[in-house]
Amino acid sequence: MESGQVYAIVRDADRWLVARRPARVLTASGPQIFDALHEIDAGGFWAGFVAYDAGRAIERIETKTVDDVGLPDLAFVRFDDVSPVADLPPLPRLDVALGDGASSISPVEHEVLVERIHELLVAGECYQVNLTRRVMYPVAPDPLALFGAIARTNPAPHAMVCTFGAVRPDLAIVSASPECFLRVDGRAVETRPVKGTARDGSTLVASAKDRAENVMIVDLARNDLGRVCEFGSVHVPALFEVEHRPGLAHLVSTVRGRLRPDVDLAALVRATFPPASVTGAPKPRVLQAIEDLEPVRRGVYCGAVGWIDGDRRRAELAVAIRTFTIAAGNTYLGLGGGIVADSCARAEWAETELKGARLLGAVGARAEERAEVR
């Protein structure tokens, strides 16, 4: 694979899928995303993303943030050549130096926003609100080089890289996501929300706060899947599992169900999107709170990235966290966390730094971000 080519490398359990020979690049925004998902579901192997902002086509949200990047709500590429391999193919070892980043929210602004969320919680409007910030780097590295730097130092169960060719030659996504949003195999569906992050697993096991957050999001995921699954099939086979990733640990639960025969991919996404773990509860109110509080749109971040095999009725979509978006000459990385009644603003800010530390260290980005000029 060379610069300028359209390609995707994605994970499928313990193997990699290397996709070449693009046959179609499909983009859509607003309600048209569901027509696009119908086409994807009809057949072929596709890789790409559904941006967080596609949630505006699902829930009624009063728009307040400006779309300053200009991304579609959905972008997928259909590939005619998909090769399973046990190991990653050789990747370029080019120097990747993102340098100084510009954060959309400063530590002081973050503290103010956490206080505003606490006011919503006290008023009983929400139980949890996910608060995020965007770090922008004014460079656009080679996507394969960026992917190689991350894959070598931050192995992840849902790692991927995808470019989009002539339709969006300036656009690529590079992900080291640890979180499964939707895994579909026939009519079996699974989601594995991550809620709870710390430097070590023992801290998570002892944290009543993290367990309470996890249960809250599991209940939201159960409710989402319950809209499209057979009655009685939604269950939680694993709760509060500790999963270790480079430099940190996560608290992860598993929710499974069996899709009704009349449910297609578009209906499944409509019922579950945006992902529960990166929004909050109750989801409709929280989506408006996020719109009111965050100064910029999330774009791909907190949406879904991965692949869909319409021929085999299989899909693996990850929550788009630990995910870089390269667009229009810039590189973007989102960082955030769930805010609940006993959240401490300084601790929550430190958690965002923890989540990004190893990723940014691998790609030559300095830890101290300057404030983004808006």
Protein backbone atom coordinates (compact mmCIF):
# COMPACT_ATOMS: atom_id res chain seq x y z
CA MET A 1 0.00 0.00 0.00
CA GLU A 2 1.29 3.40 -0.97
CA SER A 3 0.40 7.00 -0.30
CA GLY A 4 -2.60 8.05 -2.36
CA GLN A 5 -4.11 4.60 -2.54
CA VAL A 6 -7.48 3.76 -0.99
CA TYR A 7 -7.17 0.97 1.53
CA ALA A 8 -8.27 -0.28 4.94
CA ILE A 9 -6.66 -2.48 7.58
CA VAL A 10 -9.05 -3.67 10.29
CA ARG A 11 -9.15 -6.22 13.11
CA ASP A 12 -11.38 -9.28 13.05
CA ALA A 13 -10.83 -10.99 16.42
CA ASP A 14 -7.32 -12.53 16.32
CA ARG A 15 -6.62 -11.75 12.68
CA TRP A 16 -6.30 -8.73 10.40
CA LEU A 17 -8.26 -7.95 7.26
CA VAL A 18 -6.39 -6.05 4.57
CA ALA A 19 -8.76 -4.42 2.08
CA ARG A 20 -7.75 -3.12 -1.36
CA ARG A 21 -9.35 -2.36 -4.74
CA PRO A 22 -12.07 0.12 -3.73
CA ALA A 23 -15.26 -0.31 -5.73
CA ARG A 24 -17.41 2.43 -4.19
CA VAL A 25 -17.01 5.28 -1.73
CA LEU A 26 -20.28 6.12 -0.02
CA THR A 27 -20.87 9.28 2.02
CA ALA A 28 -24.07 10.62 3.55
CA SER A 29 -25.31 13.10 6.12
CA GLY A 30 -28.55 13.61 8.03
CA PRO A 31 -31.42 11.16 7.43
CA GLN A 32 -29.67 9.93 4.26
CA ILE A 33 -27.36 7.86 6.45
CA PHE A 34 -30.11 5.26 6.76
CA ASP A 35 -30.39 4.90 2.98
CA ALA A 36 -26.61 4.45 2.93
CA LEU A 37 -26.79 1.77 5.63
CA HIS A 38 -29.42 -0.09 3.60
CA GLU A 39 -27.02 -0.14 0.65
CA ILE A 40 -24.14 -1.32 2.83
CA ASP A 41 -26.33 -4.02 4.35
CA ALA A 42 -27.28 -5.30 0.88
CA GLY A 43 -23.83 -6.79 0.25
CA GLY A 44 -20.10 -6.35 -0.04
CA PHE A 45 -17.31 -5.65 2.42
CA TRP A 46 -17.21 -2.08 3.69
CA ALA A 47 -14.92 -0.14 6.03
CA GLY A 48 -15.42 3.35 7.41
CA PHE A 49 -17.24 5.36 10.05
CA VAL A 50 -20.52 6.75 11.33
CA ALA A 51 -19.72 10.11 12.93
CA TYR A 52 -21.09 11.04 16.34
CA ASP A 53 -22.99 13.87 14.67
CA ALA A 54 -25.19 11.33 12.85
CA GLY A 55 -27.09 11.27 16.15
CA ARG A 56 -28.76 14.48 14.98
CA ALA A 57 -30.73 12.32 12.53
CA ILE A 58 -31.94 10.10 15.37
CA GLU A 59 -32.70 12.44 18.27
CA ARG A 60 -34.07 15.97 18.05
CA ILE A 61 -31.21 18.30 18.97
CA GLU A 62 -31.12 22.08 18.79
CA THR A 63 -27.89 22.71 16.92
CA LYS A 64 -25.54 25.22 18.54
CA THR A 65 -22.04 24.19 17.48
CA VAL A 66 -20.49 25.14 14.15
CA ASP A 67 -19.32 22.41 11.78
CA ASP A 68 -15.76 23.67 11.38
CA VAL A 69 -14.30 20.50 9.81
CA GLY A 70 -16.98 19.63 7.26
CA LEU A 71 -17.11 15.87 7.67
CA PRO A 72 -19.96 13.71 6.37
CA ASP A 73 -22.00 11.89 8.99
CA LEU A 74 -21.16 8.59 7.32
CA ALA A 75 -18.33 7.47 5.05
CA PHE A 76 -17.73 3.86 3.99
CA VAL A 77 -15.67 2.27 1.25
CA ARG A 78 -16.64 -1.02 -0.42
CA PHE A 79 -13.60 -3.15 -1.27
CA ASP A 80 -13.44 -5.96 -3.80
CA ASP A 81 -10.20 -7.47 -2.44
CA VAL A 82 -10.17 -8.45 1.25
CA SER A 83 -7.35 -10.67 2.52
CA PRO A 84 -7.25 -12.16 6.04
CA VAL A 85 -3.74 -12.26 7.51
CA ALA A 86 -2.40 -13.40 10.87
CA ASP A 87 0.01 -10.50 11.28
CA LEU A 88 0.08 -6.89 10.22
CA PRO A 89 1.67 -6.31 6.82
CA PRO A 90 4.89 -4.24 6.76
CA LEU A 91 4.11 -0.63 7.58
CA PRO A 92 6.23 2.45 6.85
CA ARG A 93 8.43 3.58 9.71
CA LEU A 94 8.30 7.24 8.83
CA ASP A 95 8.78 9.79 11.58
CA VAL A 96 5.43 11.07 12.84
CA ALA A 97 5.68 14.34 14.73
CA LEU A 98 2.33 15.96 15.47
CA GLY A 99 3.97 18.55 17.73
CA ASP A 100 1.88 21.02 19.73
CA GLY A 101 -1.87 20.53 19.87
CA ALA A 102 -4.69 23.00 20.44
CA SER A 103 -7.34 21.91 22.95
CA SER A 104 -10.93 23.04 22.41
CA ILE A 105 -11.37 23.29 26.19
CA SER A 106 -8.80 24.55 28.71
CA PRO A 107 -8.51 23.10 32.25
CA VAL A 108 -10.27 26.18 33.65
CA GLU A 109 -13.10 25.91 31.10
CA HIS A 110 -13.37 22.19 31.81
CA GLU A 111 -13.87 22.89 35.51
CA VAL A 112 -16.67 25.35 34.71
CA LEU A 113 -18.37 22.82 32.42
CA VAL A 114 -18.16 20.07 35.05
CA GLU A 115 -19.92 22.43 37.48
CA ARG A 116 -22.66 23.08 34.93
CA ILE A 117 -23.13 19.33 34.52
CA HIS A 118 -23.38 18.99 38.29
CA GLU A 119 -26.21 21.52 38.19
CA LEU A 120 -28.04 19.36 35.64
CA LEU A 121 -27.51 16.31 37.83
CA VAL A 122 -28.79 18.04 40.96
CA ALA A 123 -31.84 19.24 39.02
CA GLY A 124 -32.57 15.62 38.08
CA GLU A 125 -32.29 16.24 34.34
CA CYS A 126 -29.47 13.70 33.84
CA TYR A 127 -27.69 10.93 35.69
CA GLN A 128 -24.43 11.14 33.76
CA VAL A 129 -23.06 13.36 30.98
CA ASN A 130 -20.00 12.51 28.91
CA LEU A 131 -17.84 15.62 28.55
CA THR A 132 -15.16 15.70 25.86
CA ARG A 133 -12.57 17.98 24.33
CA ARG A 134 -10.88 18.00 20.94
CA VAL A 135 -7.15 18.37 20.43
CA MET A 136 -6.18 19.67 16.97
CA TYR A 137 -2.71 19.32 15.43
CA PRO A 138 -2.04 21.47 12.32
CA VAL A 139 -0.33 18.67 10.39
CA ALA A 140 -1.57 15.75 8.28
CA PRO A 141 0.79 12.77 8.56
CA ASP A 142 0.78 9.77 6.25
CA PRO A 143 -2.11 7.60 7.60
CA LEU A 144 -0.13 4.35 7.32
CA ALA A 145 2.80 5.85 9.18
CA LEU A 146 0.49 7.13 11.92
CA PHE A 147 -1.21 3.74 12.11
CA GLY A 148 2.14 1.96 12.28
CA ALA A 149 3.38 4.16 15.12
CA ILE A 150 0.21 3.52 17.11
CA ALA A 151 -0.09 -0.21 16.34
CA ARG A 152 3.47 -0.88 17.48
CA THR A 153 3.06 0.84 20.85
CA ASN A 154 -0.68 0.73 21.56
CA PRO A 155 -2.11 -2.62 20.35
CA ALA A 156 -5.89 -2.51 20.48
CA PRO A 157 -8.69 -5.02 19.78
CA HIS A 158 -10.38 -2.70 17.29
CA ALA A 159 -7.38 -1.05 15.64
CA MET A 160 -7.91 0.17 12.09
CA VAL A 161 -6.84 2.59 9.37
CA CYS A 162 -8.98 3.64 6.42
CA THR A 163 -8.65 6.20 3.60
CA PHE A 164 -11.41 7.46 1.32
CA GLY A 165 -9.86 8.27 -2.04
CA ALA A 166 -11.09 10.75 -4.62
CA VAL A 167 -14.36 11.45 -2.78
CA ARG A 168 -12.38 12.76 0.22
CA PRO A 169 -8.63 12.58 -0.55
CA ASP A 170 -7.92 14.70 2.52
CA LEU A 171 -9.70 12.30 4.90
CA ALA A 172 -8.44 9.28 6.84
CA ILE A 173 -9.14 7.63 10.18
CA VAL A 174 -6.63 5.85 12.39
CA SER A 175 -7.99 4.10 15.45
CA ALA A 176 -6.71 2.22 18.48
CA SER A 177 -10.16 1.78 20.00
CA PRO A 178 -10.46 -0.63 22.94
CA GLU A 179 -14.28 -0.65 22.91
CA CYS A 180 -16.75 -2.77 20.95
CA PHE A 181 -19.86 -0.81 20.01
CA LEU A 182 -21.66 -3.43 17.91
CA ARG A 183 -20.54 -6.92 16.97
CA VAL A 184 -23.06 -8.62 14.67
CA ASP A 185 -22.95 -12.23 13.51
CA GLY A 186 -26.18 -13.17 11.78
CA ARG A 187 -28.85 -12.24 14.31
CA ALA A 188 -26.52 -12.35 17.32
CA VAL A 189 -25.52 -8.90 18.54
CA GLU A 190 -23.13 -7.80 21.27
CA THR A 191 -21.96 -4.54 22.77
CA ARG A 192 -19.16 -4.16 25.34
CA PRO A 193 -19.32 -0.72 26.99
CA VAL A 194 -16.18 0.58 28.66
CA LYS A 195 -16.86 2.70 31.73
CA GLY A 196 -14.08 3.19 34.23
CA THR A 197 -10.44 4.02 33.45
CA ALA A 198 -7.45 4.04 35.79
CA ARG A 199 -3.75 3.31 35.78
CA ASP A 200 -4.28 -0.12 37.35
CA GLY A 201 -7.08 -2.66 37.69
CA SER A 202 -7.06 -2.73 41.49
CA THR A 203 -8.14 0.91 41.58
CA LEU A 204 -11.13 0.11 39.36
CA VAL A 205 -12.14 -2.94 41.39
CA ALA A 206 -12.18 -0.82 44.56
CA SER A 207 -14.04 2.12 43.01
CA ALA A 208 -17.75 2.26 43.83
CA LYS A 209 -18.00 5.31 41.55
CA ASP A 210 -16.67 3.45 38.51
CA ARG A 211 -18.91 0.43 39.14
CA ALA A 212 -21.96 2.67 39.50
CA GLU A 213 -21.14 4.43 36.22
CA ASN A 214 -20.65 1.09 34.51
CA VAL A 215 -24.02 -0.24 35.67
CA MET A 216 -25.73 2.95 34.53
CA ILE A 217 -24.32 2.58 31.01
CA VAL A 218 -25.03 -1.15 30.92
CA ASP A 219 -28.67 -0.40 31.68
CA LEU A 220 -28.73 2.13 28.84
CA ALA A 221 -27.15 -0.41 26.46
CA ARG A 222 -29.68 -3.05 27.53
CA ASN A 223 -32.49 -0.63 26.82
CA ASP A 224 -31.06 0.26 23.40
CA LEU A 225 -30.69 -3.38 22.33
CA GLY A 226 -34.10 -4.19 23.79
CA ARG A 227 -35.69 -2.01 21.10
CA VAL A 228 -34.55 -4.34 18.32
CA CYS A 229 -33.94 -7.72 19.96
CA GLU A 230 -36.27 -10.62 20.61
CA PHE A 231 -38.10 -10.37 23.91
CA GLY A 232 -36.10 -11.95 26.71
CA SER A 233 -32.92 -12.38 24.68
CA VAL A 234 -31.01 -9.37 26.04
CA HIS A 235 -28.70 -10.40 28.86
CA VAL A 236 -25.43 -9.44 30.57
CA PRO A 237 -23.01 -12.39 30.59
CA ALA A 238 -20.13 -10.35 32.02
CA LEU A 239 -20.14 -7.38 34.40
CA PHE A 240 -17.17 -5.35 35.66
CA GLU A 241 -14.42 -7.22 33.84
CA VAL A 242 -11.02 -5.54 34.10
CA GLU A 243 -9.20 -5.27 30.78
CA HIS A 244 -5.62 -4.06 30.62
CA ARG A 245 -4.35 -1.82 27.83
CA PRO A 246 -0.93 -0.19 27.50
CA GLY A 247 -0.56 2.22 30.39
CA LEU A 248 -4.09 1.87 31.79
CA ALA A 249 -6.96 -0.45 32.71
CA HIS A 250 -10.66 -0.39 31.84
CA LEU A 251 -13.83 -1.67 33.48
CA VAL A 252 -15.80 -3.49 30.77
CA SER A 253 -19.19 -5.23 30.67
CA THR A 254 -20.85 -7.30 27.95
CA VAL A 255 -24.46 -7.06 26.77
CA ARG A 256 -25.84 -9.57 24.23
CA GLY A 257 -29.11 -10.16 22.45
CA ARG A 258 -30.73 -11.75 19.42
CA LEU A 259 -32.03 -9.39 16.74
CA ARG A 260 -35.62 -9.73 15.58
CA PRO A 261 -35.94 -11.11 12.02
CA ASP A 262 -37.25 -7.75 10.75
CA VAL A 263 -34.28 -5.73 12.06
CA ASP A 264 -31.63 -4.63 9.57
CA LEU A 265 -28.42 -2.68 10.05
CA ALA A 266 -30.12 0.70 9.70
CA ALA A 267 -32.67 -0.17 12.39
CA LEU A 268 -29.93 -1.44 14.70
CA VAL A 269 -27.90 1.75 14.35
CA ARG A 270 -31.00 3.90 14.82
CA ALA A 271 -31.78 2.09 18.10
CA THR A 272 -28.29 2.22 19.60
CA PHE A 273 -26.53 5.31 18.24
CA PRO A 274 -24.66 7.29 19.49
CA PRO A 275 -22.98 4.72 21.78
CA ALA A 276 -24.20 4.70 25.36
CA SER A 277 -20.78 4.94 26.99
CA VAL A 278 -19.86 8.22 25.28
CA THR A 279 -23.17 9.99 25.80
CA GLY A 280 -24.83 9.38 29.18
CA ALA A 281 -28.28 8.89 30.61
CA PRO A 282 -31.01 9.57 29.72
CA LYS A 283 -29.60 9.72 26.21
CA PRO A 284 -31.97 12.25 24.53
CA ARG A 285 -31.46 14.85 27.26
CA VAL A 286 -27.75 14.21 27.43
CA LEU A 287 -27.27 14.71 23.69
CA GLN A 288 -28.71 18.22 24.01
CA ALA A 289 -26.57 18.89 27.09
CA ILE A 290 -23.46 17.92 25.13
CA GLU A 291 -24.53 20.25 22.32
CA ASP A 292 -25.03 23.06 24.83
CA LEU A 293 -21.72 22.54 26.63
CA GLU A 294 -19.06 21.48 24.15
CA PRO A 295 -17.67 24.24 21.91
CA VAL A 296 -16.99 22.13 18.78
CA ARG A 297 -18.58 19.15 17.07
CA ARG A 298 -17.14 15.75 17.85
CA GLY A 299 -17.03 14.51 14.27
CA VAL A 300 -15.85 10.89 14.02
CA TYR A 301 -14.85 10.89 17.70
CA CYS A 302 -17.44 9.07 19.85
CA GLY A 303 -19.15 7.72 16.74
CA ALA A 304 -18.45 4.25 15.30
CA VAL A 305 -15.55 2.96 13.21
CA GLY A 306 -15.00 -0.46 11.71
CA TRP A 307 -16.22 -2.84 9.03
CA ILE A 308 -19.44 -4.38 7.73
CA ASP A 309 -19.68 -7.56 5.64
CA GLY A 310 -23.14 -7.42 4.04
CA ASP A 311 -22.68 -10.79 2.29
CA ARG A 312 -21.98 -12.73 5.51
CA ARG A 313 -24.22 -10.67 7.81
CA ARG A 314 -21.27 -9.77 10.02
CA ALA A 315 -20.08 -6.45 11.38
CA GLU A 316 -17.55 -5.14 13.85
CA LEU A 317 -18.03 -1.50 14.81
CA ALA A 318 -15.98 0.04 17.59
CA VAL A 319 -16.67 3.17 19.59
CA ALA A 320 -14.48 5.83 17.99
CA ILE A 321 -12.30 6.61 20.99
CA ARG A 322 -8.47 6.68 20.89
CA THR A 323 -9.15 7.58 17.27
CA PHE A 324 -7.34 10.12 15.09
CA THR A 325 -9.15 11.87 12.24
CA ILE A 326 -6.97 13.36 9.51
CA ALA A 327 -8.95 15.97 7.57
CA ALA A 328 -8.23 19.14 5.57
CA GLY A 329 -4.58 19.29 6.61
CA ASN A 330 -5.17 18.81 10.34
CA THR A 331 -5.21 15.86 12.73
CA TYR A 332 -7.83 15.62 15.47
CA LEU A 333 -7.96 13.52 18.63
CA GLY A 334 -10.85 13.56 21.10
CA LEU A 335 -10.49 12.95 24.84
CA GLY A 336 -13.22 12.79 27.47
CA GLY A 337 -15.01 10.99 30.28
CA GLY A 338 -18.32 10.57 32.04
CA ILE A 339 -19.31 13.14 34.68
CA VAL A 340 -21.51 12.03 37.58
CA ALA A 341 -22.53 13.62 40.86
CA ASP A 342 -19.32 12.77 42.71
CA SER A 343 -16.95 13.59 39.84
CA CYS A 344 -14.01 15.86 40.64
CA ALA A 345 -13.13 18.19 37.77
CA ARG A 346 -9.37 17.91 38.30
CA ALA A 347 -9.51 14.13 38.45
CA GLU A 348 -11.65 14.00 35.31
CA TRP A 349 -9.20 16.25 33.44
CA ALA A 350 -6.33 14.02 34.59
CA GLU A 351 -8.23 11.01 33.22
CA THR A 352 -8.44 12.64 29.78
CA GLU A 353 -4.68 13.14 29.89
CA LEU A 354 -4.15 9.51 30.91
CA LYS A 355 -6.27 8.28 28.00
CA GLY A 356 -4.21 10.23 25.50
CA ALA A 357 -0.73 9.98 27.01
CA ARG A 358 0.62 6.83 25.32
CA LEU A 359 -1.05 7.57 21.99
CA LEU A 360 0.38 11.06 21.85
CA GLY A 361 3.77 9.87 23.04
CA ALA A 362 3.88 7.42 20.13
CA VAL A 363 3.24 10.09 17.51
CA GLY A 364 5.49 12.91 18.64
CA ALA A 365 2.79 15.04 20.20
CA ARG A 366 3.62 17.14 23.23
CA ALA A 367 1.48 16.52 26.30
CA GLU A 368 0.81 20.18 27.10
CA GLU A 369 -1.78 21.46 24.64
CA ARG A 370 -2.25 25.14 24.05
CA ALA A 371 -5.78 26.57 23.97
CA GLU A 372 -7.55 26.36 20.62
CA VAL A 373 -8.35 29.75 19.13
CA ARG A 374 -12.04 30.02 18.25
